């Protein structure tokens, strides 16, 4: 399955991200299945970043300026976000068919973008930048480490980096998510798949 993420750059200009097998770089797309109290990591992402060497642990999932600690559990050849996942869904009052883009911010840290399953449009929440101070993927380059340290202290003390004076609920760029099977005629899908295979 191919997913397309349209990022608005202006009134008639869009930037297109193509997710092959639900994965693009350090992002993956997944959806909740009705009646499940967990969500699966995309198989290709699991293979690229974890696979058989990962034995499970605890992940921190950020949605805007809130976070949840959720168990990452290995299920034979898959990985699922389990204990704590249903609390995230309840706390955000999300539909059981919501679609998510997980952005890897650290080995067990993810920022989530949330999309309405019917319209493909992003559901916005107030946003902060996530920096994982103790994660080995970051190097110590002075100023960035200082900012990361300040942000981590705010997270620990439940302070927020969000400017409360910002008006409106929509913060960030306008995005729309579409699956290839929902949005495009089959000849366009074949063309997109052909182009994607070249990369």
Protein backbone atom coordinates (compact mmCIF):
# COMPACT_ATOMS: atom_id res chain seq x y z
CA UNK A 1 0.00 0.00 0.00
CA UNK A 2 1.20 3.49 -0.82
CA UNK A 3 0.16 6.51 1.23
CA UNK A 4 0.53 10.07 0.02
CA UNK A 5 0.92 13.00 2.42
CA UNK A 6 0.07 16.37 0.90
CA UNK A 7 1.71 19.31 2.75
CA UNK A 8 0.31 22.72 1.87
CA UNK A 9 2.98 25.25 0.90
CA UNK A 10 0.48 27.87 -0.23
CA UNK A 11 -3.01 28.22 -1.65
CA UNK A 12 -2.27 26.09 -4.71
CA UNK A 13 1.15 24.58 -3.96
CA UNK A 14 1.65 21.19 -2.31
CA UNK A 15 4.66 19.14 -1.26
CA UNK A 16 4.05 15.41 -1.67
CA UNK A 17 5.56 12.71 0.59
CA UNK A 18 5.23 9.13 -0.64
CA UNK A 19 5.10 6.36 1.98
CA UNK A 20 5.95 2.98 0.43
CA UNK A 21 4.84 0.05 2.60
CA UNK A 22 3.66 2.70 5.08
CA UNK A 23 7.26 3.93 5.70
CA UNK A 24 9.22 7.06 4.72
CA UNK A 25 12.65 7.61 6.30
CA UNK A 26 12.03 7.77 10.08
CA UNK A 27 8.22 7.96 9.75
CA UNK A 28 5.59 5.26 9.54
CA UNK A 29 1.83 5.25 9.05
CA UNK A 30 -0.53 2.97 10.93
CA UNK A 31 -4.19 2.84 11.85
CA UNK A 32 -6.15 1.50 14.77
CA UNK A 33 -8.16 -1.58 14.01
CA UNK A 34 -11.65 -1.49 15.48
CA UNK A 35 -11.89 -3.33 18.84
CA UNK A 36 -8.09 -3.54 19.29
CA UNK A 37 -6.52 -1.92 22.34
CA UNK A 38 -3.11 -1.75 20.67
CA UNK A 39 -1.59 -0.45 17.44
CA UNK A 40 1.01 -2.18 15.27
CA UNK A 41 4.25 -0.67 14.02
CA UNK A 42 4.65 -0.87 10.23
CA UNK A 43 6.53 -4.09 9.35
CA UNK A 44 9.09 -2.37 7.14
CA UNK A 45 9.84 0.18 9.92
CA UNK A 46 10.18 -2.66 12.45
CA UNK A 47 12.69 -4.36 10.18
CA UNK A 48 14.73 -1.20 9.51
CA UNK A 49 15.07 0.07 13.08
CA UNK A 50 14.49 -2.84 15.48
CA UNK A 51 13.89 -6.41 14.17
CA UNK A 52 14.99 -9.46 16.14
CA UNK A 53 17.50 -7.58 18.31
CA UNK A 54 14.72 -5.66 20.09
CA UNK A 55 13.18 -7.40 23.10
CA UNK A 56 10.54 -4.83 24.05
CA UNK A 57 10.46 -1.84 26.34
CA UNK A 58 8.67 1.40 27.09
CA UNK A 59 8.09 4.10 24.49
CA UNK A 60 7.21 7.73 25.02
CA UNK A 61 4.57 8.96 22.57
CA UNK A 62 4.08 12.70 22.12
CA UNK A 63 0.96 14.27 20.67
CA UNK A 64 1.56 18.03 20.64
CA UNK A 65 2.51 19.11 24.18
CA UNK A 66 1.29 15.93 25.93
CA UNK A 67 2.99 12.56 26.25
CA UNK A 68 2.15 9.00 27.25
CA UNK A 69 4.41 6.12 28.29
CA UNK A 70 3.31 3.08 26.33
CA UNK A 71 4.68 -0.46 26.31
CA UNK A 72 6.40 -1.57 23.09
CA UNK A 73 5.80 -5.29 22.92
CA UNK A 74 7.32 -7.81 20.51
CA UNK A 75 4.67 -10.12 19.04
CA UNK A 76 6.52 -12.86 17.11
CA UNK A 77 7.65 -10.94 13.99
CA UNK A 78 5.84 -7.67 14.76
CA UNK A 79 5.94 -4.87 17.31
CA UNK A 80 2.88 -3.34 18.95
CA UNK A 81 2.23 -0.39 21.24
CA UNK A 82 0.10 -1.99 23.98
CA UNK A 83 -0.25 -1.03 27.67
CA UNK A 84 -1.01 2.68 27.82
CA UNK A 85 -2.19 2.95 24.20
CA UNK A 86 -5.91 2.87 25.02
CA UNK A 87 -5.36 5.66 27.59
CA UNK A 88 -3.87 7.86 24.84
CA UNK A 89 -6.94 7.22 22.67
CA UNK A 90 -9.34 7.98 25.56
CA UNK A 91 -7.43 11.09 26.70
CA UNK A 92 -7.52 12.58 23.19
CA UNK A 93 -11.13 11.43 22.56
CA UNK A 94 -10.12 9.87 19.24
CA UNK A 95 -12.22 7.64 17.01
CA UNK A 96 -11.27 3.97 17.04
CA UNK A 97 -10.36 4.15 13.31
CA UNK A 98 -7.94 7.09 13.51
CA UNK A 99 -4.79 7.06 11.35
CA UNK A 100 -1.39 8.09 12.76
CA UNK A 101 2.00 9.06 11.44
CA UNK A 102 4.70 8.11 13.94
CA UNK A 103 7.90 10.17 13.68
CA UNK A 104 10.90 8.60 15.38
CA UNK A 105 12.49 11.25 17.62
CA UNK A 106 14.61 8.78 19.59
CA UNK A 107 15.04 5.03 19.85
CA UNK A 108 11.84 4.63 21.90
CA UNK A 109 10.42 8.15 21.46
CA UNK A 110 7.87 9.11 18.82
CA UNK A 111 5.92 12.21 17.85
CA UNK A 112 2.45 11.38 16.53
CA UNK A 113 0.47 13.23 13.87
CA UNK A 114 -3.21 12.34 13.99
CA UNK A 115 -5.50 12.11 10.94
CA UNK A 116 -9.27 11.79 10.61
CA UNK A 117 -10.03 8.41 9.03
CA UNK A 118 -12.93 9.75 6.93
CA UNK A 119 -11.44 12.95 5.50
CA UNK A 120 -7.70 12.27 5.69
CA UNK A 121 -7.17 15.71 7.23
CA UNK A 122 -4.86 16.27 10.16
CA UNK A 123 -6.33 16.80 13.63
CA UNK A 124 -4.32 19.57 15.27
CA UNK A 125 -3.23 19.91 18.87
CA UNK A 126 -0.94 22.55 20.41
CA UNK A 127 2.61 21.56 19.47
CA UNK A 128 6.06 21.61 21.01
CA UNK A 129 9.32 20.33 19.52
CA UNK A 130 10.47 17.04 21.03
CA UNK A 131 14.17 16.64 21.80
CA UNK A 132 15.37 13.56 23.66
CA UNK A 133 18.39 14.69 25.66
CA UNK A 134 19.73 11.28 26.65
CA UNK A 135 19.22 9.55 23.30
CA UNK A 136 22.41 8.33 21.58
CA UNK A 137 21.23 9.55 18.15
CA UNK A 138 22.05 13.13 19.22
CA UNK A 139 25.58 14.43 19.63
CA UNK A 140 26.71 17.14 22.02
CA UNK A 141 27.09 20.31 19.97
CA UNK A 142 26.69 22.90 22.72
CA UNK A 143 23.70 25.16 22.09
CA UNK A 144 21.33 22.39 20.94
CA UNK A 145 22.18 20.38 24.05
CA UNK A 146 21.39 23.38 26.26
CA UNK A 147 18.00 23.87 24.58
CA UNK A 148 17.30 20.14 24.87
CA UNK A 149 18.16 20.25 28.57
CA UNK A 150 15.78 23.18 29.14
CA UNK A 151 13.00 21.40 27.25
CA UNK A 152 13.54 18.16 29.20
CA UNK A 153 13.32 20.08 32.49
CA UNK A 154 10.00 21.60 31.38
CA UNK A 155 8.67 18.14 30.51
CA UNK A 156 9.74 16.76 33.91
CA UNK A 157 8.08 19.66 35.76
CA UNK A 158 4.96 19.55 33.52
CA UNK A 159 5.66 23.01 32.13
CA UNK A 160 4.94 23.65 28.48
CA UNK A 161 6.92 25.28 25.70
CA UNK A 162 3.64 26.24 24.02
CA UNK A 163 2.92 29.95 23.69
CA UNK A 164 -0.49 30.17 25.37
CA UNK A 165 -1.16 33.53 23.68
CA UNK A 166 -1.41 31.93 20.25
CA UNK A 167 -4.97 32.23 18.97
CA UNK A 168 -6.89 29.35 17.43
CA UNK A 169 -6.60 25.61 17.66
CA UNK A 170 -4.75 25.00 14.40
CA UNK A 171 -1.01 25.26 14.74
CA UNK A 172 1.32 24.27 11.91
CA UNK A 173 0.91 23.52 8.25
CA UNK A 174 -2.20 22.10 6.61
CA UNK A 175 -1.78 18.44 5.64
CA UNK A 176 -3.96 15.78 4.06
CA UNK A 177 -3.27 12.05 4.05
CA UNK A 178 -4.59 9.76 1.33
CA UNK A 179 -4.10 6.10 0.62
CA UNK A 180 -3.51 5.18 -2.97
CA UNK A 181 -6.50 2.86 -3.08
CA UNK A 182 -8.92 5.53 -1.85
CA UNK A 183 -7.86 8.55 -3.83
CA UNK A 184 -6.59 7.70 -7.29
CA UNK A 185 -7.57 5.75 -10.40
CA UNK A 186 -5.56 2.57 -10.93
CA UNK A 187 -3.46 3.98 -13.84
CA UNK A 188 -2.21 6.82 -11.60
CA UNK A 189 -1.40 4.36 -8.80
CA UNK A 190 0.64 2.22 -11.23
CA UNK A 191 2.56 5.33 -12.36
CA UNK A 192 3.29 6.35 -8.74
CA UNK A 193 4.45 2.81 -7.90
CA UNK A 194 6.71 2.79 -10.97
CA UNK A 195 8.29 6.12 -9.94
CA UNK A 196 8.71 4.91 -6.33
CA UNK A 197 10.57 1.77 -7.43
CA UNK A 198 13.24 3.99 -8.98
CA UNK A 199 14.22 5.29 -5.53
